[in-house]
């Protein structure tokens, strides 16, 4: 097939190679869908688990958050595994872990084996969170890389929305009871078990897509690398010359290891600290409190359970809308402008939510917000999700996939993602106790971090829009 034939438009009017690259990116991002699904599905099962095992807030928070420690481990080992086994093998391994976690979580004997299965699912989440952005960045043409890398976050928010829709459907079938019986199990068990379906899809898709050309060059498989580049970028005049250029750059670099990340004033290279900072700020604003605890949150301020599930789902829709906005503008405006807009919007939204929650009255099951403050809290929560989704939700994953030099990309991304999951764990595990202490105060803490993210972006975060991966570093 000639280059001219390959760039002819398909039935949808897109260049054929772009359609193929979209398929590749969407397949890799299926790990992001499972990442979002697995992270948020627990939201619908919180009260069922509490009732089934009769646990305290602190223990419940620990069991819910333990998956995030698994995610930190998965993120930290994914880079090394990807460099040794290949990007596709890591995807396939993550798919197996997702499936096993779903089955085990659906049929736990005790709270502690549920925690083990949730940890295994967390390892899969961490692996998927690293491998998808790295793979997409290495396969995508530079002109489309931002939008294609955005598929990761788009898949995450779709996974979140899908899990909440599944939860709502199962809860409806169980007459509003998380412990209601369905198919011989309790509703919350089915919520956790259905994840095996997307896990199977992810594993099958990982068998259909090509290996990263940069990994193939690193392994000396230049012929295969040329074939992949010819498929994704057929407009290149000389694919062989491009492979030779990548190989030359890699020969000047030693074998990647964690030592590549060391240096600078605080033990790590400055660019690695920037990646860690991006990851931590993404979580320190408290975004996952909305997705892990939203149903319980709304019930804690007097909203009935049916409405609380509805509001959890509407925040997921807002999340999708914001992600689409980010996908449209990330290659047009750049990464930093979007992040700045998001930080300001999140800070204002969080401050409004903190103000509204300060009017909470009552204790136990007899709690409420005044009508005006309740409305402000709902609007603020939705606007917070919107500003996060159109900025930090997408920008962080795009930048982590492209900001590091080739010699350290997988290892640095693993460290940054590991820091993200540890921070996520701290926020998630602490929220039940913090909210019991002072819900408004909790949101003021998240507001402070949103404000601090502004000078961090302005001073330390580089713009990566339009740059080739070989230009980084």
Protein backbone atom coordinates (compact mmCIF):
# COMPACT_ATOMS: atom_id res chain seq x y z
CA UNK A 1 0.00 0.00 0.00
CA UNK A 2 1.42 3.40 -0.92
CA UNK A 3 1.58 6.41 1.37
CA UNK A 4 -1.06 8.15 -0.74
CA UNK A 5 -3.47 5.28 -0.32
CA UNK A 6 -2.92 5.17 3.42
CA UNK A 7 -3.79 8.81 4.01
CA UNK A 8 -7.03 8.70 2.01
CA UNK A 9 -10.00 9.58 4.19
CA UNK A 10 -12.15 6.82 5.64
CA UNK A 11 -15.94 6.76 5.69
CA UNK A 12 -15.99 9.31 8.52
CA UNK A 13 -13.76 11.72 6.60
CA UNK A 14 -10.65 11.15 8.74
CA UNK A 15 -7.24 10.14 7.36
CA UNK A 16 -7.05 6.35 7.58
CA UNK A 17 -3.94 6.33 9.75
CA UNK A 18 -5.64 8.65 12.23
CA UNK A 19 -8.56 6.24 12.51
CA UNK A 20 -6.08 3.46 13.25
CA UNK A 21 -4.23 5.56 15.83
CA UNK A 22 -7.54 6.43 17.49
CA UNK A 23 -8.31 2.72 17.76
CA UNK A 24 -4.88 2.07 19.29
CA UNK A 25 -5.21 4.91 21.79
CA UNK A 26 -8.76 3.93 22.73
CA UNK A 27 -7.70 0.32 23.27
CA UNK A 28 -4.82 1.33 25.54
CA UNK A 29 -7.12 3.74 27.37
CA UNK A 30 -9.45 0.85 28.20
CA UNK A 31 -7.14 0.44 31.17
CA UNK A 32 -8.21 3.94 32.15
CA UNK A 33 -11.84 2.86 31.93
CA UNK A 34 -11.13 0.05 34.39
CA UNK A 35 -9.10 2.47 36.50
CA UNK A 36 -12.17 4.75 36.75
CA UNK A 37 -14.64 1.90 37.17
CA UNK A 38 -12.67 0.13 39.89
CA UNK A 39 -11.93 3.39 41.72
CA UNK A 40 -15.55 4.57 41.81
CA UNK A 41 -17.57 1.34 42.01
CA UNK A 42 -16.79 1.15 45.72
CA UNK A 43 -18.90 4.31 46.16
CA UNK A 44 -22.07 2.26 45.73
CA UNK A 45 -20.90 -0.49 48.06
CA UNK A 46 -19.71 1.54 51.06
CA UNK A 47 -22.86 1.23 53.16
CA UNK A 48 -23.35 -2.42 52.17
CA UNK A 49 -19.83 -3.30 53.30
CA UNK A 50 -20.34 -1.34 56.53
CA UNK A 51 -23.54 -3.28 57.27
CA UNK A 52 -22.24 -6.68 56.20
CA UNK A 53 -19.08 -6.55 58.31
CA UNK A 54 -20.18 -4.07 61.00
CA UNK A 55 -17.09 -1.84 60.81
CA UNK A 56 -16.19 1.59 62.18
CA UNK A 57 -15.59 4.67 60.01
CA UNK A 58 -11.83 4.37 60.43
CA UNK A 59 -11.74 0.68 59.44
CA UNK A 60 -14.10 1.27 56.53
CA UNK A 61 -11.93 4.12 55.27
CA UNK A 62 -8.84 1.91 55.51
CA UNK A 63 -10.45 -0.93 53.52
CA UNK A 64 -11.71 1.43 50.83
CA UNK A 65 -8.39 3.22 50.59
CA UNK A 66 -6.18 0.12 50.64
CA UNK A 67 -6.69 -0.32 46.91
CA UNK A 68 -4.79 2.94 46.50
CA UNK A 69 -1.73 1.51 48.22
CA UNK A 70 -1.92 -1.34 45.74
CA UNK A 71 -2.15 1.26 42.99
CA UNK A 72 1.00 2.95 44.27
CA UNK A 73 2.82 -0.40 44.11
CA UNK A 74 1.44 -1.12 40.63
CA UNK A 75 2.50 2.29 39.38
CA UNK A 76 6.02 1.93 40.74
CA UNK A 77 6.63 -1.50 39.18
CA UNK A 78 4.86 -0.83 35.88
CA UNK A 79 7.68 1.22 34.39
CA UNK A 80 10.29 -1.46 34.97
CA UNK A 81 7.97 -4.19 33.74
CA UNK A 82 7.15 -2.15 30.64
CA UNK A 83 10.83 -1.75 29.81
CA UNK A 84 11.51 -5.46 30.33
CA UNK A 85 8.37 -7.18 29.02
CA UNK A 86 6.90 -4.55 26.72
CA UNK A 87 3.95 -2.20 26.99
CA UNK A 88 1.42 -4.75 25.76
CA UNK A 89 2.41 -7.47 28.24
CA UNK A 90 1.86 -5.05 31.10
CA UNK A 91 -1.61 -4.22 29.77
CA UNK A 92 -2.47 -7.90 29.55
CA UNK A 93 -1.19 -8.56 33.06
CA UNK A 94 -3.25 -5.64 34.40
CA UNK A 95 -6.35 -7.07 32.69
CA UNK A 96 -5.83 -10.41 34.47
CA UNK A 97 -5.44 -8.66 37.83
CA UNK A 98 -8.61 -6.61 37.24
CA UNK A 99 -10.57 -9.79 36.52
CA UNK A 100 -9.28 -11.68 39.54
CA UNK A 101 -9.96 -8.69 41.78
CA UNK A 102 -13.55 -8.45 40.53
CA UNK A 103 -14.26 -12.12 41.26
CA UNK A 104 -12.60 -12.07 44.67
CA UNK A 105 -14.30 -8.81 45.73
CA UNK A 106 -17.68 -10.20 44.72
CA UNK A 107 -17.25 -13.30 46.90
CA UNK A 108 -15.34 -12.26 50.04
CA UNK A 109 -15.37 -14.46 53.15
CA UNK A 110 -14.23 -11.71 55.51
CA UNK A 111 -13.47 -8.00 55.46
CA UNK A 112 -9.78 -8.76 55.28
CA UNK A 113 -9.85 -10.95 52.19
CA UNK A 114 -12.01 -8.25 50.57
CA UNK A 115 -9.14 -5.89 51.37
CA UNK A 116 -6.69 -8.29 49.68
CA UNK A 117 -8.76 -8.47 46.49
CA UNK A 118 -9.19 -4.68 46.50
CA UNK A 119 -5.41 -4.36 46.83
CA UNK A 120 -4.90 -6.60 43.78
CA UNK A 121 -7.34 -4.42 41.85
CA UNK A 122 -5.31 -1.43 43.03
CA UNK A 123 -2.12 -2.94 41.60
CA UNK A 124 -3.92 -3.25 38.26
CA UNK A 125 -5.10 0.36 38.49
CA UNK A 126 -1.56 1.56 39.14
CA UNK A 127 -0.17 -0.42 36.22
CA UNK A 128 -2.89 0.89 33.89
CA UNK A 129 -2.35 4.46 35.09
CA UNK A 130 1.30 4.31 34.01
CA UNK A 131 1.24 2.20 30.89
CA UNK A 132 -1.59 3.88 28.98
CA UNK A 133 -0.19 7.45 28.89
CA UNK A 134 3.33 6.17 28.21
CA UNK A 135 2.17 3.91 25.37
CA UNK A 136 -0.11 6.51 23.78
CA UNK A 137 2.63 9.18 23.93
CA UNK A 138 5.06 6.81 22.20
CA UNK A 139 2.67 5.77 19.44
CA UNK A 140 0.75 8.99 18.70
CA UNK A 141 1.94 11.51 16.08
CA UNK A 142 3.04 14.77 17.78
CA UNK A 143 0.26 16.82 16.14
CA UNK A 144 -2.43 14.67 17.78
CA UNK A 145 -0.62 13.54 20.91
CA UNK A 146 -2.41 15.82 23.37
CA UNK A 147 -5.87 14.81 22.20
CA UNK A 148 -5.00 11.14 21.99
CA UNK A 149 -3.36 11.18 25.42
CA UNK A 150 -6.59 12.75 26.67
CA UNK A 151 -8.27 9.41 25.92
CA UNK A 152 -6.84 8.16 29.21
CA UNK A 153 -8.79 10.69 31.27
CA UNK A 154 -11.85 10.36 29.01
CA UNK A 155 -11.83 6.62 29.65
CA UNK A 156 -11.41 7.19 33.40
CA UNK A 157 -14.45 9.45 33.62
CA UNK A 158 -16.50 7.09 31.44
CA UNK A 159 -15.52 4.27 33.77
CA UNK A 160 -16.62 6.32 36.77
CA UNK A 161 -19.95 7.18 35.14
CA UNK A 162 -20.53 3.60 34.03
CA UNK A 163 -19.83 2.23 37.51
CA UNK A 164 -22.29 4.67 39.04
CA UNK A 165 -24.92 3.82 36.43
CA UNK A 166 -24.43 0.11 37.14
CA UNK A 167 -24.62 0.79 40.86
CA UNK A 168 -27.82 2.80 40.45
CA UNK A 169 -29.39 0.07 38.29
CA UNK A 170 -28.53 -2.70 40.73
CA UNK A 171 -29.71 -0.61 43.67
CA UNK A 172 -33.02 -0.03 41.91
CA UNK A 173 -33.43 -3.76 41.28
CA UNK A 174 -32.67 -4.37 44.96
CA UNK A 175 -35.39 -1.91 46.07
CA UNK A 176 -32.87 0.70 47.16
CA UNK A 177 -30.98 -1.63 49.51
CA UNK A 178 -27.25 -2.19 49.00
CA UNK A 179 -27.68 -5.44 50.91
CA UNK A 180 -30.78 -6.46 48.98
CA UNK A 181 -30.63 -9.92 47.40
CA UNK A 182 -29.95 -10.27 43.66
CA UNK A 183 -29.04 -13.57 41.99
CA UNK A 184 -28.30 -15.10 45.37
CA UNK A 185 -25.87 -12.34 46.34
CA UNK A 186 -26.17 -8.94 47.95
CA UNK A 187 -26.42 -5.99 45.57
CA UNK A 188 -23.07 -4.52 46.59
CA UNK A 189 -21.34 -7.80 45.72
CA UNK A 190 -22.67 -7.69 42.17
CA UNK A 191 -21.54 -4.06 41.90
CA UNK A 192 -17.98 -5.18 42.52
CA UNK A 193 -18.18 -8.35 40.43
CA UNK A 194 -19.50 -6.92 37.16
CA UNK A 195 -16.08 -5.40 36.56
CA UNK A 196 -14.95 -8.72 35.10
CA UNK A 197 -16.72 -7.79 31.82
CA UNK A 198 -14.62 -4.70 30.98
CA UNK A 199 -11.53 -6.53 32.27
CA UNK A 200 -12.09 -9.21 29.62
CA UNK A 201 -12.59 -6.57 26.91
CA UNK A 202 -9.34 -4.84 27.95
CA UNK A 203 -7.39 -8.08 27.76
CA UNK A 204 -8.74 -8.88 24.28
CA UNK A 205 -8.00 -5.38 22.96
CA UNK A 206 -4.44 -5.59 24.29
CA UNK A 207 -3.97 -8.58 21.98
CA UNK A 208 -5.01 -6.54 18.93
CA UNK A 209 -2.77 -3.47 19.06
CA UNK A 210 0.91 -3.10 18.06
CA UNK A 211 3.83 -2.73 20.43
CA UNK A 212 5.35 0.74 20.98
CA UNK A 213 7.90 1.51 18.22
CA UNK A 214 10.28 3.03 20.78
CA UNK A 215 10.21 -0.16 22.86
CA UNK A 216 10.81 -2.21 19.70
CA UNK A 217 13.81 -0.04 18.77
CA UNK A 218 15.19 -0.45 22.29
CA UNK A 219 14.97 -4.23 21.82
CA UNK A 220 16.67 -4.12 18.40
CA UNK A 221 13.48 -5.04 16.55
CA UNK A 222 13.84 -2.22 14.02
CA UNK A 223 11.90 -3.92 11.25
CA UNK A 224 8.83 -4.21 13.47
CA UNK A 225 9.29 -0.60 14.61
CA UNK A 226 9.35 0.59 10.99
CA UNK A 227 6.16 -1.34 10.28
CA UNK A 228 4.35 0.25 13.23
CA UNK A 229 5.50 3.77 12.31
CA UNK A 230 4.43 3.17 8.71
CA UNK A 231 0.93 2.37 10.01
CA UNK A 232 0.56 5.31 12.39
CA UNK A 233 2.50 7.94 10.40
CA UNK A 234 2.46 6.89 6.72
CA UNK A 235 2.96 10.51 5.63
CA UNK A 236 6.59 10.32 6.75
CA UNK A 237 8.89 10.39 3.73
CA UNK A 238 11.39 7.98 5.27
CA UNK A 239 10.22 5.80 8.14
CA UNK A 240 13.58 4.03 8.18
CA UNK A 241 15.34 7.34 8.84
CA UNK A 242 12.98 8.05 11.75
CA UNK A 243 13.71 4.66 13.30
CA UNK A 244 17.43 5.28 12.85
CA UNK A 245 17.07 8.67 14.57
CA UNK A 246 15.27 7.08 17.53
CA UNK A 247 17.91 4.33 17.70
CA UNK A 248 20.76 6.87 17.62
CA UNK A 249 19.19 8.84 20.45
CA UNK A 250 18.71 5.66 22.49
CA UNK A 251 22.31 4.55 21.95
CA UNK A 252 23.45 7.79 23.55
CA UNK A 253 21.35 6.86 26.56
CA UNK A 254 22.25 4.08 28.96
CA UNK A 255 19.83 1.38 30.06
CA UNK A 256 17.00 3.04 32.00
CA UNK A 257 16.87 2.58 35.77
CA UNK A 258 15.76 4.44 38.87
CA UNK A 259 19.27 5.91 39.03
CA UNK A 260 18.34 7.99 35.98
CA UNK A 261 15.98 9.95 38.20
CA UNK A 262 18.54 10.90 40.83
CA UNK A 263 20.40 14.19 41.04
CA UNK A 264 19.67 17.78 41.92
CA UNK A 265 19.37 19.37 45.35
CA UNK A 266 16.81 17.01 46.88
CA UNK A 267 17.88 13.62 45.56
CA UNK A 268 15.83 13.60 42.36
CA UNK A 269 16.11 15.54 39.12
CA UNK A 270 13.98 18.73 39.02
CA UNK A 271 11.74 17.39 36.24
CA UNK A 272 10.94 14.33 38.37
CA UNK A 273 9.94 16.56 41.28
CA UNK A 274 7.69 18.53 38.93
CA UNK A 275 5.99 15.29 37.88
CA UNK A 276 5.56 14.28 41.53
CA UNK A 277 4.15 17.74 42.30
CA UNK A 278 1.64 17.53 39.47
CA UNK A 279 0.51 14.11 40.68
CA UNK A 280 0.17 15.18 44.30
CA UNK A 281 -1.72 18.41 43.60
CA UNK A 282 -4.15 16.49 41.39
CA UNK A 283 -5.18 14.50 44.47
CA UNK A 284 -4.69 17.05 47.27
CA UNK A 285 -7.63 19.11 45.98
CA UNK A 286 -9.86 16.23 47.12
CA UNK A 287 -11.35 15.17 43.79
CA UNK A 288 -11.70 11.53 44.74
CA UNK A 289 -13.70 12.36 47.84
CA UNK A 290 -16.47 13.19 45.35
CA UNK A 291 -16.17 9.85 43.56
CA UNK A 292 -15.47 7.52 46.49
CA UNK A 293 -17.78 9.04 49.08
CA UNK A 294 -20.29 11.21 47.23
CA UNK A 295 -23.34 9.10 48.13
CA UNK A 296 -22.33 8.99 51.79
CA UNK A 297 -21.39 12.69 51.67
CA UNK A 298 -24.79 13.82 50.46
CA UNK A 299 -26.55 11.53 52.92
CA UNK A 300 -24.42 13.04 55.71
CA UNK A 301 -25.94 16.47 55.04
CA UNK A 302 -29.52 15.27 54.97
CA UNK A 303 -30.13 14.19 51.36
CA UNK A 304 -32.04 10.91 51.05
CA UNK A 305 -30.23 7.85 49.61
CA UNK A 306 -32.04 7.79 46.24
CA UNK A 307 -31.22 11.44 45.57
CA UNK A 308 -27.64 10.98 46.78
CA UNK A 309 -27.05 8.31 44.10
CA UNK A 310 -28.63 10.57 41.49
CA UNK A 311 -26.31 13.46 42.40
CA UNK A 312 -23.33 11.10 42.29
CA UNK A 313 -24.28 10.20 38.74
CA UNK A 314 -24.81 13.82 37.65
CA UNK A 315 -21.30 14.71 38.83
CA UNK A 316 -20.02 11.94 36.57
CA UNK A 317 -21.86 13.47 33.61
CA UNK A 318 -20.30 16.84 34.42
CA UNK A 319 -16.95 15.05 34.59
CA UNK A 320 -17.44 13.74 31.07
CA UNK A 321 -18.46 17.18 29.75
CA UNK A 322 -15.35 18.77 31.29
CA UNK A 323 -13.11 16.07 29.85
CA UNK A 324 -14.50 16.66 26.34
CA UNK A 325 -13.79 20.39 26.74
CA UNK A 326 -10.20 19.59 27.74
CA UNK A 327 -9.75 17.24 24.77
CA UNK A 328 -10.84 20.04 22.43
CA UNK A 329 -8.50 22.66 23.88
CA UNK A 330 -5.44 20.80 25.21
CA UNK A 331 -3.62 20.99 21.83
CA UNK A 332 -5.00 24.42 20.98
CA UNK A 333 -4.43 26.40 24.17
CA UNK A 334 -1.69 24.30 25.70
CA UNK A 335 -1.34 22.42 28.96
CA UNK A 336 -0.42 25.25 31.35
CA UNK A 337 -3.30 27.64 30.50
CA UNK A 338 -5.85 24.87 31.06
CA UNK A 339 -4.25 23.93 34.38
CA UNK A 340 -4.33 27.55 35.58
CA UNK A 341 -8.00 27.99 34.65
CA UNK A 342 -8.81 24.78 36.48
CA UNK A 343 -6.90 25.72 39.63
CA UNK A 344 -8.71 29.06 39.97
CA UNK A 345 -12.11 27.49 39.27
CA UNK A 346 -11.51 24.64 41.73
CA UNK A 347 -10.37 27.01 44.49
CA UNK A 348 -13.53 29.11 44.18
CA UNK A 349 -15.80 26.06 44.03
CA UNK A 350 -14.18 24.38 47.02
CA UNK A 351 -14.36 27.57 49.08
CA UNK A 352 -18.08 27.85 48.34
CA UNK A 353 -18.62 24.20 49.32
CA UNK A 354 -16.72 24.76 52.59
CA UNK A 355 -18.91 27.78 53.35
CA UNK A 356 -22.10 25.84 52.62
CA UNK A 357 -21.08 22.82 54.73
CA UNK A 358 -20.37 25.12 57.69
CA UNK A 359 -24.17 25.45 58.06
CA UNK A 360 -24.63 21.71 58.68
CA UNK A 361 -26.82 21.06 61.71
CA UNK A 362 -27.82 17.95 63.66
CA UNK A 363 -26.05 14.68 64.40
CA UNK A 364 -26.28 11.04 63.35
CA UNK A 365 -29.18 10.38 60.99
CA UNK A 366 -30.80 13.73 61.85
CA UNK A 367 -28.60 16.14 59.85
CA UNK A 368 -29.44 18.81 57.31
CA UNK A 369 -28.36 21.94 55.46
CA UNK A 370 -30.57 25.01 55.00
CA UNK A 371 -32.12 25.07 51.52
CA UNK A 372 -29.94 27.93 50.27
CA UNK A 373 -26.69 26.39 51.50
CA UNK A 374 -27.75 22.96 50.22
CA UNK A 375 -28.21 24.43 46.75
CA UNK A 376 -24.83 26.17 46.93
CA UNK A 377 -23.17 22.92 48.03
CA UNK A 378 -24.64 21.00 45.09
CA UNK A 379 -23.68 23.67 42.54
CA UNK A 380 -20.19 24.05 44.04
CA UNK A 381 -19.57 20.29 43.97
CA UNK A 382 -20.59 20.10 40.32
CA UNK A 383 -18.55 23.18 39.31
CA UNK A 384 -15.53 21.76 41.16
CA UNK A 385 -15.79 18.54 39.15
CA UNK A 386 -16.21 20.55 35.93
CA UNK A 387 -13.10 22.67 36.51
CA UNK A 388 -11.07 19.63 37.55
CA UNK A 389 -12.16 17.65 34.50
CA UNK A 390 -11.39 20.39 31.96
CA UNK A 391 -7.93 20.94 33.43
CA UNK A 392 -6.01 18.83 35.92
CA UNK A 393 -7.93 15.64 35.15
CA UNK A 394 -6.60 15.61 31.58
CA UNK A 395 -3.51 17.83 31.72
CA UNK A 396 -1.67 15.80 34.37
CA UNK A 397 -1.96 12.53 32.44
CA UNK A 398 -1.01 14.22 29.16
CA UNK A 399 2.05 15.89 30.68
CA UNK A 400 3.22 12.83 32.62
CA UNK A 401 3.18 10.88 29.35
CA UNK A 402 5.29 13.43 27.48
CA UNK A 403 7.34 15.65 29.84
CA UNK A 404 10.13 13.19 30.69
CA UNK A 405 13.13 12.35 28.45
CA UNK A 406 13.04 8.99 26.67
CA UNK A 407 15.76 7.50 28.88
CA UNK A 408 13.65 7.87 32.02
CA UNK A 409 10.04 8.12 30.82
CA UNK A 410 8.68 4.83 32.11
CA UNK A 411 10.60 4.97 35.40
CA UNK A 412 9.78 8.64 36.08
CA UNK A 413 6.13 8.14 35.19
CA UNK A 414 6.01 5.23 37.60
CA UNK A 415 7.44 7.31 40.45
CA UNK A 416 5.09 10.22 39.73
CA UNK A 417 2.06 7.94 39.49
CA UNK A 418 3.13 6.15 42.67
CA UNK A 419 3.21 9.50 44.47
CA UNK A 420 -0.25 10.22 43.09
CA UNK A 421 -1.69 7.00 44.48
CA UNK A 422 -0.08 7.44 47.90
CA UNK A 423 -1.56 10.96 48.06
CA UNK A 424 -4.90 9.60 46.89
CA UNK A 425 -4.72 7.04 49.71
CA UNK A 426 -4.01 9.73 52.30
CA UNK A 427 -6.97 11.84 51.16
CA UNK A 428 -9.33 8.86 50.87
CA UNK A 429 -8.40 7.20 54.15
CA UNK A 430 -8.55 10.46 56.09
CA UNK A 431 -11.86 11.77 54.76
CA UNK A 432 -14.27 9.72 56.95
CA UNK A 433 -12.52 10.89 60.10
CA UNK A 434 -11.99 14.46 58.83
CA UNK A 435 -15.63 14.84 57.82
CA UNK A 436 -16.73 13.52 61.20
CA UNK A 437 -14.46 16.12 62.84
CA UNK A 438 -15.40 19.07 60.60
CA UNK A 439 -16.76 18.69 57.07
CA UNK A 440 -16.35 22.39 56.27
CA UNK A 441 -12.79 22.35 57.61
CA UNK A 442 -11.97 19.40 55.35
CA UNK A 443 -13.02 21.37 52.30
CA UNK A 444 -11.00 24.40 53.43
CA UNK A 445 -7.91 22.17 53.40
CA UNK A 446 -8.68 21.12 49.81
CA UNK A 447 -9.25 24.79 48.91
CA UNK A 448 -5.79 25.71 50.22
CA UNK A 449 -4.14 23.12 47.98
CA UNK A 450 -6.07 24.37 44.94
CA UNK A 451 -4.76 27.88 45.65
CA UNK A 452 -1.18 26.64 46.10
CA UNK A 453 -1.29 24.85 42.74
CA UNK A 454 -1.36 28.22 40.92
CA UNK A 455 2.20 29.37 41.81
CA UNK A 456 3.41 25.80 41.32
CA UNK A 457 2.19 25.83 37.71
CA UNK A 458 3.51 29.31 36.99
CA UNK A 459 7.01 28.69 38.36
CA UNK A 460 7.87 25.07 37.74
CA UNK A 461 5.64 23.34 35.18
CA UNK A 462 6.99 23.34 31.58
CA UNK A 463 4.77 23.62 28.51
CA UNK A 464 5.01 20.50 26.35
CA UNK A 465 2.50 21.41 23.63
CA UNK A 466 3.67 20.46 20.14
CA UNK A 467 7.10 19.15 21.14
CA UNK A 468 8.51 15.85 19.88
CA UNK A 469 9.25 13.31 22.61
CA UNK A 470 12.93 13.37 21.66
CA UNK A 471 13.01 17.11 22.49
CA UNK A 472 12.05 16.54 26.14
CA UNK A 473 14.84 17.03 28.63
